[in-house]
Amino acid sequence: MIELTDVIAAPTELDWGRFVNPVQGGKTIATAITIEDGAYTFKQHMDKGEKQYFFIPLTEAQRLRMIVTAQGRLVSYDKNGELVEKKGFDFSNFWADFVTADDEPIKGPFRRVQFRSRAPGFQKEAQMMSRGPDGVYFRVTANSMKINKDTRFDLFIDEAGDMITGRDAPAEAGPDLLAVKPLQDVVGHIGLQDAVDSYEIVGLSEDTQELALVINFTDPDFKYRVLITNLDTDRRIKRFNGLNGRQSLFFDIPKERPDLMIQIINQVAGSKKFSSYTFVLED
């Protein structure tokens, strides 16, 4: 595989303010070029039907954001058969998808950037959550329209783990549940491909009869719900629906004192929302 240093020149600013840091992607997913967070453009204009593939290394529970900026004008052939930027046309086009190693689009909202006939300076964004250590590919495709080589794409990688462990809380009960004790401050993230975060309650004292889950979302408009489940019987103890922002949620501890699970759920399926949250269990 070609290394990053083999394909990227030093970033420059063109006279009219365009950022240029050219990179050439692979022609197939097997020859995808590895890049990291940063800002890039393309080495050459992309003709109809052309594709370029890139690979971005990610660890578990990281959020990748790609912001694409139209910097150039419409591209077409000149009289010599060369692709050139047309003067006087403030149009630009772009299409890119996050894809799997099998070249299939990743499921979930906000995983594609697509625009046509947009003036220079127009921006559009895609995001995704890493659910494992394998990284992600993205595919740039010149479908029905050519792509200007000076189209800029910025990649940002944010830590988005749960309990600040670099781990993603699982979606359901199992051996990977993250354990949380009363009065323990927890920080988590949810949204995009991460629809559910599950935690096991541990360390309850024998005289605890009721708990309050005090939870606060950074995005006050993020819609969520909370389930409290008896892990021994898989029966739901309490459901809280239609939540947003800061909430204090009270629930009783069953007399048989079973193992309990908290699930924090993105209530709007397919939502492009993403948010961090904090919570603490108070007895």
C-alpha atoms as a PDB file:
ATOM      1  CA  MET A   1       0.000   0.000   0.000  1.00  0.00           C
ATOM      2  CA  ILE A   2       1.298   3.499  -0.819  1.00  0.00           C
ATOM      3  CA  GLU A   3       2.063   5.439   2.327  1.00  0.00           C
ATOM      4  CA  LEU A   4       0.744   8.902   3.087  1.00  0.00           C
ATOM      5  CA  THR A   5       4.113  10.561   2.543  1.00  0.00           C
ATOM      6  CA  ASP A   6       4.277   9.179  -0.985  1.00  0.00           C
ATOM      7  CA  VAL A   7       1.196  10.924  -2.263  1.00  0.00           C
ATOM      8  CA  ILE A   8       0.713  14.209  -0.402  1.00  0.00           C
ATOM      9  CA  ALA A   9       2.557  17.414  -1.204  1.00  0.00           C
ATOM     10  CA  ALA A  10       2.972  20.323   1.199  1.00  0.00           C
ATOM     11  CA  PRO A  11      -0.258  22.345   1.590  1.00  0.00           C
ATOM     12  CA  THR A  12      -0.316  25.645  -0.286  1.00  0.00           C
ATOM     13  CA  GLU A  13      -2.677  28.605  -0.690  1.00  0.00           C
ATOM     14  CA  LEU A  14      -3.394  29.660  -4.262  1.00  0.00           C
ATOM     15  CA  ASP A  15      -3.405  33.356  -5.194  1.00  0.00           C
ATOM     16  CA  TRP A  16      -7.206  33.589  -5.059  1.00  0.00           C
ATOM     17  CA  GLY A  17      -7.450  31.932  -1.666  1.00  0.00           C
ATOM     18  CA  ARG A  18      -7.937  28.277  -2.510  1.00  0.00           C
ATOM     19  CA  PHE A  19      -6.395  25.713  -0.201  1.00  0.00           C
ATOM     20  CA  VAL A  20      -4.482  22.997  -2.080  1.00  0.00           C
ATOM     21  CA  ASN A  21      -3.037  19.792  -0.626  1.00  0.00           C
ATOM     22  CA  PRO A  22      -3.281  17.257  -3.478  1.00  0.00           C
ATOM     23  CA  VAL A  23      -3.700  13.532  -2.900  1.00  0.00           C
ATOM     24  CA  GLN A  24      -4.456  10.743  -5.373  1.00  0.00           C
ATOM     25  CA  GLY A  25      -6.737   7.958  -4.144  1.00  0.00           C
ATOM     26  CA  GLY A  26      -6.560   4.343  -5.218  1.00  0.00           C
ATOM     27  CA  LYS A  27      -8.521   3.157  -8.241  1.00  0.00           C
ATOM     28  CA  THR A  28     -10.025   0.234  -6.312  1.00  0.00           C
ATOM     29  CA  ILE A  29     -10.731  -0.453  -2.667  1.00  0.00           C
ATOM     30  CA  ALA A  30      -7.819  -2.911  -2.653  1.00  0.00           C
ATOM     31  CA  THR A  31      -5.457  -0.047  -3.546  1.00  0.00           C
ATOM     32  CA  ALA A  32      -7.062   2.551  -1.244  1.00  0.00           C
ATOM     33  CA  ILE A  33      -4.654   5.232  -0.032  1.00  0.00           C
ATOM     34  CA  THR A  34      -4.294   5.701   3.720  1.00  0.00           C
ATOM     35  CA  ILE A  35      -4.813   9.245   4.985  1.00  0.00           C
ATOM     36  CA  GLU A  36      -5.335  10.687   8.439  1.00  0.00           C
ATOM     37  CA  ASP A  37      -7.189  13.671   9.858  1.00  0.00           C
ATOM     38  CA  GLY A  38      -6.339  16.828   7.949  1.00  0.00           C
ATOM     39  CA  ALA A  39      -7.319  18.836   4.872  1.00  0.00           C
ATOM     40  CA  TYR A  40      -6.880  17.587   1.300  1.00  0.00           C
ATOM     41  CA  THR A  41      -7.661  18.236  -2.355  1.00  0.00           C
ATOM     42  CA  PHE A  42      -7.160  16.020  -5.433  1.00  0.00           C
ATOM     43  CA  LYS A  43      -4.193  15.729  -7.790  1.00  0.00           C
ATOM     44  CA  GLN A  44      -6.297  15.680 -10.953  1.00  0.00           C
ATOM     45  CA  HIS A  45      -9.792  16.536 -12.120  1.00  0.00           C
ATOM     46  CA  MET A  46     -12.034  13.462 -11.992  1.00  0.00           C
ATOM     47  CA  ASP A  47     -13.795  12.429 -15.204  1.00  0.00           C
ATOM     48  CA  LYS A  48     -17.254  10.830 -15.383  1.00  0.00           C
ATOM     49  CA  GLY A  49     -17.227   7.289 -14.023  1.00  0.00           C
ATOM     50  CA  GLU A  50     -13.901   7.686 -12.223  1.00  0.00           C
ATOM     51  CA  LYS A  51     -13.565   6.574  -8.605  1.00  0.00           C
ATOM     52  CA  GLN A  52     -10.955   7.169  -5.911  1.00  0.00           C
ATOM     53  CA  TYR A  53     -10.664   5.209  -2.671  1.00  0.00           C
ATOM     54  CA  PHE A  54      -9.169   6.275   0.661  1.00  0.00           C
ATOM     55  CA  PHE A  55      -8.720   4.501   3.997  1.00  0.00           C
ATOM     56  CA  ILE A  56      -8.818   6.278   7.374  1.00  0.00           C
ATOM     57  CA  PRO A  57      -7.430   4.405  10.411  1.00  0.00           C
ATOM     58  CA  LEU A  58      -9.779   4.605  13.400  1.00  0.00           C
ATOM     59  CA  THR A  59      -9.912   2.956  16.798  1.00  0.00           C
ATOM     60  CA  GLU A  60     -13.054   1.869  18.599  1.00  0.00           C
ATOM     61  CA  ALA A  61     -15.460   4.635  19.645  1.00  0.00           C
ATOM     62  CA  GLN A  62     -14.150   7.440  17.464  1.00  0.00           C
ATOM     63  CA  ARG A  63     -16.313   9.789  15.418  1.00  0.00           C
ATOM     64  CA  LEU A  64     -15.173  10.722  11.920  1.00  0.00           C
ATOM     65  CA  ARG A  65     -16.445  13.942  10.346  1.00  0.00           C
ATOM     66  CA  MET A  66     -15.800  14.864   6.716  1.00  0.00           C
ATOM     67  CA  ILE A  67     -16.551  18.432   5.593  1.00  0.00           C
ATOM     68  CA  VAL A  68     -16.364  19.021   1.837  1.00  0.00           C
ATOM     69  CA  THR A  69     -15.945  22.530   0.421  1.00  0.00           C
ATOM     70  CA  ALA A  70     -16.516  23.521  -3.208  1.00  0.00           C
ATOM     71  CA  GLN A  71     -13.527  25.666  -4.237  1.00  0.00           C
ATOM     72  CA  GLY A  72     -13.579  25.388  -8.022  1.00  0.00           C
ATOM     73  CA  ARG A  73     -15.771  25.816 -11.034  1.00  0.00           C
ATOM     74  CA  LEU A  74     -17.295  23.385 -13.489  1.00  0.00           C
ATOM     75  CA  VAL A  75     -14.826  21.047 -15.230  1.00  0.00           C
ATOM     76  CA  SER A  76     -15.054  20.147 -18.932  1.00  0.00           C
ATOM     77  CA  TYR A  77     -12.864  19.215 -21.911  1.00  0.00           C
ATOM     78  CA  ASP A  78     -11.004  21.906 -23.827  1.00  0.00           C
ATOM     79  CA  LYS A  79     -10.254  21.774 -27.572  1.00  0.00           C
ATOM     80  CA  ASN A  80      -7.175  19.648 -26.861  1.00  0.00           C
ATOM     81  CA  GLY A  81      -9.190  17.021 -25.023  1.00  0.00           C
ATOM     82  CA  GLU A  82      -7.876  18.023 -21.576  1.00  0.00           C
ATOM     83  CA  LEU A  83     -10.046  18.412 -18.514  1.00  0.00           C
ATOM     84  CA  VAL A  84      -9.904  22.067 -17.431  1.00  0.00           C
ATOM     85  CA  GLU A  85     -11.839  24.366 -15.165  1.00  0.00           C
ATOM     86  CA  LYS A  86     -14.340  26.517 -17.062  1.00  0.00           C
ATOM     87  CA  LYS A  87     -14.249  30.249 -16.462  1.00  0.00           C
ATOM     88  CA  GLY A  88     -17.475  32.028 -15.670  1.00  0.00           C
ATOM     89  CA  PHE A  89     -19.312  28.993 -14.290  1.00  0.00           C
ATOM     90  CA  ASP A  90     -19.689  29.010 -10.494  1.00  0.00           C
ATOM     91  CA  PHE A  91     -20.646  25.332 -10.422  1.00  0.00           C
ATOM     92  CA  SER A  92     -19.016  22.404  -8.654  1.00  0.00           C
ATOM     93  CA  ASN A  93     -20.025  18.777  -8.008  1.00  0.00           C
ATOM     94  CA  PHE A  94     -19.124  16.065  -5.514  1.00  0.00           C
ATOM     95  CA  TRP A  95     -20.173  12.587  -4.372  1.00  0.00           C
ATOM     96  CA  ALA A  96     -18.536  10.466  -1.644  1.00  0.00           C
ATOM     97  CA  ASP A  97     -19.669   7.543   0.551  1.00  0.00           C
ATOM     98  CA  PHE A  98     -18.247   5.847   3.605  1.00  0.00           C
ATOM     99  CA  VAL A  99     -17.995   2.182   2.582  1.00  0.00           C
ATOM    100  CA  THR A 100     -17.078  -1.214   4.023  1.00  0.00           C
ATOM    101  CA  ALA A 101     -14.065  -3.292   2.998  1.00  0.00           C
ATOM    102  CA  ASP A 102     -16.451  -5.004   0.537  1.00  0.00           C
ATOM    103  CA  ASP A 103     -17.142  -1.643  -1.132  1.00  0.00           C
ATOM    104  CA  GLU A 104     -20.709  -1.514   0.207  1.00  0.00           C
ATOM    105  CA  PRO A 105     -22.131   1.736   1.638  1.00  0.00           C
ATOM    106  CA  ILE A 106     -22.055   1.829   5.421  1.00  0.00           C
ATOM    107  CA  LYS A 107     -25.535   1.817   6.922  1.00  0.00           C
ATOM    108  CA  GLY A 108     -26.770   4.760   8.881  1.00  0.00           C
ATOM    109  CA  PRO A 109     -27.572   8.443   8.479  1.00  0.00           C
ATOM    110  CA  PHE A 110     -25.157  11.176   7.464  1.00  0.00           C
ATOM    111  CA  ARG A 111     -22.728   8.764   5.755  1.00  0.00           C
ATOM    112  CA  ARG A 112     -22.691  10.442   2.326  1.00  0.00           C
ATOM    113  CA  VAL A 113     -21.676  13.820   0.904  1.00  0.00           C
ATOM    114  CA  GLN A 114     -23.424  14.712  -2.337  1.00  0.00           C
ATOM    115  CA  PHE A 115     -23.959  18.030  -4.080  1.00  0.00           C
ATOM    116  CA  ARG A 116     -24.361  19.351  -7.607  1.00  0.00           C
ATOM    117  CA  SER A 117     -24.044  22.806  -9.136  1.00  0.00           C
ATOM    118  CA  ARG A 118     -22.920  24.574  -5.973  1.00  0.00           C
ATOM    119  CA  ALA A 119     -21.036  27.872  -5.881  1.00  0.00           C
ATOM    120  CA  PRO A 120     -17.477  28.006  -4.501  1.00  0.00           C
ATOM    121  CA  GLY A 121     -17.556  28.108  -0.714  1.00  0.00           C
ATOM    122  CA  PHE A 122     -20.542  25.765  -0.397  1.00  0.00           C
ATOM    123  CA  GLN A 123     -19.984  23.113   2.299  1.00  0.00           C
ATOM    124  CA  LYS A 124     -21.577  19.793   3.160  1.00  0.00           C
ATOM    125  CA  GLU A 125     -20.768  17.276   5.891  1.00  0.00           C
ATOM    126  CA  ALA A 126     -20.870  13.526   6.555  1.00  0.00           C
ATOM    127  CA  GLN A 127     -20.216  11.717   9.847  1.00  0.00           C
ATOM    128  CA  MET A 128     -19.889   8.186  11.155  1.00  0.00           C
ATOM    129  CA  MET A 129     -19.077   6.353  14.371  1.00  0.00           C
ATOM    130  CA  SER A 130     -16.378   3.685  14.524  1.00  0.00           C
ATOM    131  CA  ARG A 131     -17.736   0.555  16.247  1.00  0.00           C
ATOM    132  CA  GLY A 132     -14.408  -1.318  16.154  1.00  0.00           C
ATOM    133  CA  PRO A 133     -10.672  -1.023  15.470  1.00  0.00           C
ATOM    134  CA  ASP A 134     -10.761  -1.577  11.703  1.00  0.00           C
ATOM    135  CA  GLY A 135     -10.965   1.970  10.349  1.00  0.00           C
ATOM    136  CA  VAL A 136     -13.155   3.071   7.445  1.00  0.00           C
ATOM    137  CA  TYR A 137     -12.952   3.523   3.689  1.00  0.00           C
ATOM    138  CA  PHE A 138     -14.501   6.300   1.691  1.00  0.00           C
ATOM    139  CA  ARG A 139     -15.164   6.318  -2.018  1.00  0.00           C
ATOM    140  CA  VAL A 140     -15.268   9.441  -4.185  1.00  0.00           C
ATOM    141  CA  THR A 141     -17.285   8.938  -7.361  1.00  0.00           C
ATOM    142  CA  ALA A 142     -17.656  11.187 -10.394  1.00  0.00           C
ATOM    143  CA  ASN A 143     -21.091   9.910 -11.386  1.00  0.00           C
ATOM    144  CA  SER A 144     -22.875  11.967 -14.021  1.00  0.00           C
ATOM    145  CA  MET A 145     -20.715  15.052 -13.378  1.00  0.00           C
ATOM    146  CA  LYS A 146     -16.974  15.605 -13.295  1.00  0.00           C
ATOM    147  CA  ILE A 147     -15.250  16.681 -10.047  1.00  0.00           C
ATOM    148  CA  ASN A 148     -12.900  19.652  -9.767  1.00  0.00           C
ATOM    149  CA  LYS A 149      -9.487  18.684  -8.405  1.00  0.00           C
ATOM    150  CA  ASP A 150      -9.529  21.651  -6.013  1.00  0.00           C
ATOM    151  CA  THR A 151     -12.562  20.367  -4.139  1.00  0.00           C
ATOM    152  CA  ARG A 152     -11.427  20.413  -0.517  1.00  0.00           C
ATOM    153  CA  PHE A 153     -12.246  17.723   2.028  1.00  0.00           C
ATOM    154  CA  ASP A 154     -11.415  18.083   5.724  1.00  0.00           C
ATOM    155  CA  LEU A 155     -11.286  15.050   8.014  1.00  0.00           C
ATOM    156  CA  PHE A 156     -11.778  15.379  11.769  1.00  0.00           C
ATOM    157  CA  ILE A 157     -11.467  12.510  14.259  1.00  0.00           C
ATOM    158  CA  ASP A 158     -13.006  12.944  17.720  1.00  0.00           C
ATOM    159  CA  GLU A 159     -12.850  10.622  20.698  1.00  0.00           C
ATOM    160  CA  ALA A 160     -16.399   9.439  21.351  1.00  0.00           C
ATOM    161  CA  GLY A 161     -16.067   6.607  23.843  1.00  0.00           C
ATOM    162  CA  ASP A 162     -18.271   5.837  26.830  1.00  0.00           C
ATOM    163  CA  MET A 163     -17.053   6.201  30.431  1.00  0.00           C
ATOM    164  CA  ILE A 164     -13.959   7.892  28.906  1.00  0.00           C
ATOM    165  CA  THR A 165     -12.461   4.447  28.316  1.00  0.00           C
ATOM    166  CA  GLY A 166     -12.091   4.508  24.546  1.00  0.00           C
ATOM    167  CA  ARG A 167     -14.776   1.837  24.469  1.00  0.00           C
ATOM    168  CA  ASP A 168     -18.270   1.930  23.071  1.00  0.00           C
ATOM    169  CA  ALA A 169     -20.957   0.742  25.487  1.00  0.00           C
ATOM    170  CA  PRO A 170     -22.707  -2.259  23.850  1.00  0.00           C
ATOM    171  CA  ALA A 171     -26.241  -2.130  22.502  1.00  0.00           C
ATOM    172  CA  GLU A 172     -27.512  -5.072  24.573  1.00  0.00           C
ATOM    173  CA  ALA A 173     -26.795  -7.296  27.554  1.00  0.00           C
ATOM    174  CA  GLY A 174     -23.681  -9.453  27.448  1.00  0.00           C
ATOM    175  CA  PRO A 175     -20.159  -9.843  28.787  1.00  0.00           C
ATOM    176  CA  ASP A 176     -19.088  -6.460  27.421  1.00  0.00           C
ATOM    177  CA  LEU A 177     -21.494  -4.393  29.512  1.00  0.00           C
ATOM    178  CA  LEU A 178     -19.780  -1.419  31.136  1.00  0.00           C
ATOM    179  CA  ALA A 179     -20.207  -1.419  34.922  1.00  0.00           C
ATOM    180  CA  VAL A 180     -21.276   1.732  36.760  1.00  0.00           C
ATOM    181  CA  LYS A 181     -21.546   2.327  40.509  1.00  0.00           C
ATOM    182  CA  PRO A 182     -23.708   4.807  42.420  1.00  0.00           C
ATOM    183  CA  LEU A 183     -22.152   8.301  42.538  1.00  0.00           C
ATOM    184  CA  GLN A 184     -19.780   7.446  39.676  1.00  0.00           C
ATOM    185  CA  ASP A 185     -19.646  10.211  37.045  1.00  0.00           C
ATOM    186  CA  VAL A 186     -20.108   8.758  33.560  1.00  0.00           C
ATOM    187  CA  VAL A 187     -19.466  10.457  30.219  1.00  0.00           C
ATOM    188  CA  GLY A 188     -20.862   8.865  27.065  1.00  0.00           C
ATOM    189  CA  HIS A 189     -21.634   9.562  23.403  1.00  0.00           C
ATOM    190  CA  ILE A 190     -24.518   8.423  21.221  1.00  0.00           C
ATOM    191  CA  GLY A 191     -25.861   8.954  17.713  1.00  0.00           C
ATOM    192  CA  LEU A 192     -25.180   8.072  14.068  1.00  0.00           C
ATOM    193  CA  GLN A 193     -24.368   4.320  13.906  1.00  0.00           C
ATOM    194  CA  ASP A 194     -24.357   4.153  17.732  1.00  0.00           C
ATOM    195  CA  ALA A 195     -28.053   3.928  18.646  1.00  0.00           C
ATOM    196  CA  VAL A 196     -27.942   2.307  22.117  1.00  0.00           C
ATOM    197  CA  ASP A 197     -25.553   2.449  25.095  1.00  0.00           C
ATOM    198  CA  SER A 198     -25.968  -0.199  27.824  1.00  0.00           C
ATOM    199  CA  TYR A 199     -24.519  -0.232  31.350  1.00  0.00           C
ATOM    200  CA  GLU A 200     -24.741  -2.653  34.272  1.00  0.00           C
ATOM    201  CA  ILE A 201     -25.418  -1.254  37.738  1.00  0.00           C
ATOM    202  CA  VAL A 202     -23.014  -2.653  40.344  1.00  0.00           C
ATOM    203  CA  GLY A 203     -22.028  -1.888  43.933  1.00  0.00           C
ATOM    204  CA  LEU A 204     -25.480  -1.269  45.393  1.00  0.00           C
ATOM    205  CA  SER A 205     -25.686  -1.293  49.188  1.00  0.00           C
ATOM    206  CA  GLU A 206     -28.114  -3.682  50.864  1.00  0.00           C
ATOM    207  CA  ASP A 207     -30.379  -0.864  52.035  1.00  0.00           C
ATOM    208  CA  THR A 208     -30.709   0.903  48.669  1.00  0.00           C
ATOM    209  CA  GLN A 209     -34.398   0.873  47.711  1.00  0.00           C
ATOM    210  CA  GLU A 210     -34.500   3.574  45.041  1.00  0.00           C
ATOM    211  CA  LEU A 211     -32.091   5.174  42.599  1.00  0.00           C
ATOM    212  CA  ALA A 212     -32.199   8.396  40.646  1.00  0.00           C
ATOM    213  CA  LEU A 213     -30.518   8.491  37.243  1.00  0.00           C
ATOM    214  CA  VAL A 214     -29.497  12.121  36.766  1.00  0.00           C
ATOM    215  CA  ILE A 215     -28.678  12.470  33.072  1.00  0.00           C
ATOM    216  CA  ASN A 216     -27.798  15.475  30.924  1.00  0.00           C
ATOM    217  CA  PHE A 217     -27.313  15.655  27.137  1.00  0.00           C
ATOM    218  CA  THR A 218     -24.958  18.263  25.681  1.00  0.00           C
ATOM    219  CA  ASP A 219     -27.342  18.722  22.754  1.00  0.00           C
ATOM    220  CA  PRO A 220     -30.606  19.815  24.421  1.00  0.00           C
ATOM    221  CA  ASP A 221     -32.602  18.833  21.320  1.00  0.00           C
ATOM    222  CA  PHE A 222     -31.380  15.219  21.198  1.00  0.00           C
ATOM    223  CA  LYS A 223     -34.388  12.934  21.751  1.00  0.00           C
ATOM    224  CA  TYR A 224     -33.714   9.847  23.848  1.00  0.00           C
ATOM    225  CA  ARG A 225     -35.323   7.264  26.080  1.00  0.00           C
ATOM    226  CA  VAL A 226     -34.070   5.175  28.990  1.00  0.00           C
ATOM    227  CA  LEU A 227     -34.866   1.565  29.886  1.00  0.00           C
ATOM    228  CA  ILE A 228     -34.124  -0.129  33.221  1.00  0.00           C
ATOM    229  CA  THR A 229     -34.066  -3.917  32.875  1.00  0.00           C
ATOM    230  CA  ASN A 230     -33.763  -6.859  35.269  1.00  0.00           C
ATOM    231  CA  LEU A 231     -30.823  -8.823  33.833  1.00  0.00           C
ATOM    232  CA  ASP A 232     -31.799 -11.982  35.734  1.00  0.00           C
ATOM    233  CA  THR A 233     -35.263 -12.224  34.153  1.00  0.00           C
ATOM    234  CA  ASP A 234     -34.838  -9.920  31.127  1.00  0.00           C
ATOM    235  CA  ARG A 235     -37.961  -8.074  32.300  1.00  0.00           C
ATOM    236  CA  ARG A 236     -38.289  -4.322  32.010  1.00  0.00           C
ATOM    237  CA  ILE A 237     -38.527  -2.507  35.333  1.00  0.00           C
ATOM    238  CA  LYS A 238     -39.010   1.057  34.090  1.00  0.00           C
ATOM    239  CA  ARG A 239     -39.275   2.918  30.793  1.00  0.00           C
ATOM    240  CA  PHE A 240     -38.771   6.659  30.310  1.00  0.00           C
ATOM    241  CA  ASN A 241     -39.806   7.994  26.893  1.00  0.00           C
ATOM    242  CA  GLY A 242     -39.701  11.342  25.103  1.00  0.00           C
ATOM    243  CA  LEU A 243     -36.692  12.725  26.948  1.00  0.00           C
ATOM    244  CA  ASN A 244     -34.302  15.529  26.078  1.00  0.00           C
ATOM    245  CA  GLY A 245     -31.742  17.666  27.901  1.00  0.00           C
ATOM    246  CA  ARG A 246     -31.352  17.169  31.651  1.00  0.00           C
ATOM    247  CA  GLN A 247     -33.569  14.687  33.505  1.00  0.00           C
ATOM    248  CA  SER A 248     -33.811  13.085  36.955  1.00  0.00           C
ATOM    249  CA  LEU A 249     -35.296   9.607  36.547  1.00  0.00           C
ATOM    250  CA  PHE A 250     -36.342   7.645  39.639  1.00  0.00           C
ATOM    251  CA  PHE A 251     -36.822   3.869  39.803  1.00  0.00           C
ATOM    252  CA  ASP A 252     -37.239   1.287  42.567  1.00  0.00           C
ATOM    253  CA  ILE A 253     -34.842  -1.567  43.280  1.00  0.00           C
ATOM    254  CA  PRO A 254     -36.715  -4.927  43.331  1.00  0.00           C
ATOM    255  CA  LYS A 255     -36.722  -6.755  46.664  1.00  0.00           C
ATOM    256  CA  GLU A 256     -34.894  -9.755  45.180  1.00  0.00           C
ATOM    257  CA  ARG A 257     -32.067  -7.344  44.253  1.00  0.00           C
ATOM    258  CA  PRO A 258     -31.316  -8.637  40.734  1.00  0.00           C
ATOM    259  CA  ASP A 259     -28.577  -7.407  38.445  1.00  0.00           C
ATOM    260  CA  LEU A 260     -29.840  -4.304  36.637  1.00  0.00           C
ATOM    261  CA  MET A 261     -29.079  -2.739  33.265  1.00  0.00           C
ATOM    262  CA  ILE A 262     -29.484   0.861  32.082  1.00  0.00           C
ATOM    263  CA  GLN A 263     -30.003   1.438  28.363  1.00  0.00           C
ATOM    264  CA  ILE A 264     -29.800   4.912  26.830  1.00  0.00           C
ATOM    265  CA  ILE A 265     -31.441   4.895  23.395  1.00  0.00           C
ATOM    266  CA  ASN A 266     -31.554   7.320  20.484  1.00  0.00           C
ATOM    267  CA  GLN A 267     -35.323   7.716  20.169  1.00  0.00           C
ATOM    268  CA  VAL A 268     -35.348   9.050  16.593  1.00  0.00           C
ATOM    269  CA  ALA A 269     -34.421   6.203  14.241  1.00  0.00           C
ATOM    270  CA  GLY A 270     -32.188   7.343  11.396  1.00  0.00           C
ATOM    271  CA  SER A 271     -31.508  10.694  13.037  1.00  0.00           C
ATOM    272  CA  LYS A 272     -28.374  12.588  12.032  1.00  0.00           C
ATOM    273  CA  LYS A 273     -28.041  13.840  15.605  1.00  0.00           C
ATOM    274  CA  PHE A 274     -24.976  13.068  17.714  1.00  0.00           C
ATOM    275  CA  SER A 275     -24.375  14.130  21.306  1.00  0.00           C
ATOM    276  CA  SER A 276     -22.306  13.550  24.377  1.00  0.00           C
ATOM    277  CA  TYR A 277     -24.034  13.013  27.698  1.00  0.00           C
ATOM    278  CA  THR A 278     -23.221  12.638  31.383  1.00  0.00           C
ATOM    279  CA  PHE A 279     -25.019  10.734  34.092  1.00  0.00           C
ATOM    280  CA  VAL A 280     -24.713   9.736  37.727  1.00  0.00           C
ATOM    281  CA  LEU A 281     -26.716   7.307  39.869  1.00  0.00           C
ATOM    282  CA  GLU A 282     -27.834   8.815  43.169  1.00  0.00           C
ATOM    283  CA  ASP A 283     -29.336   6.790  45.992  1.00  0.00           C
END
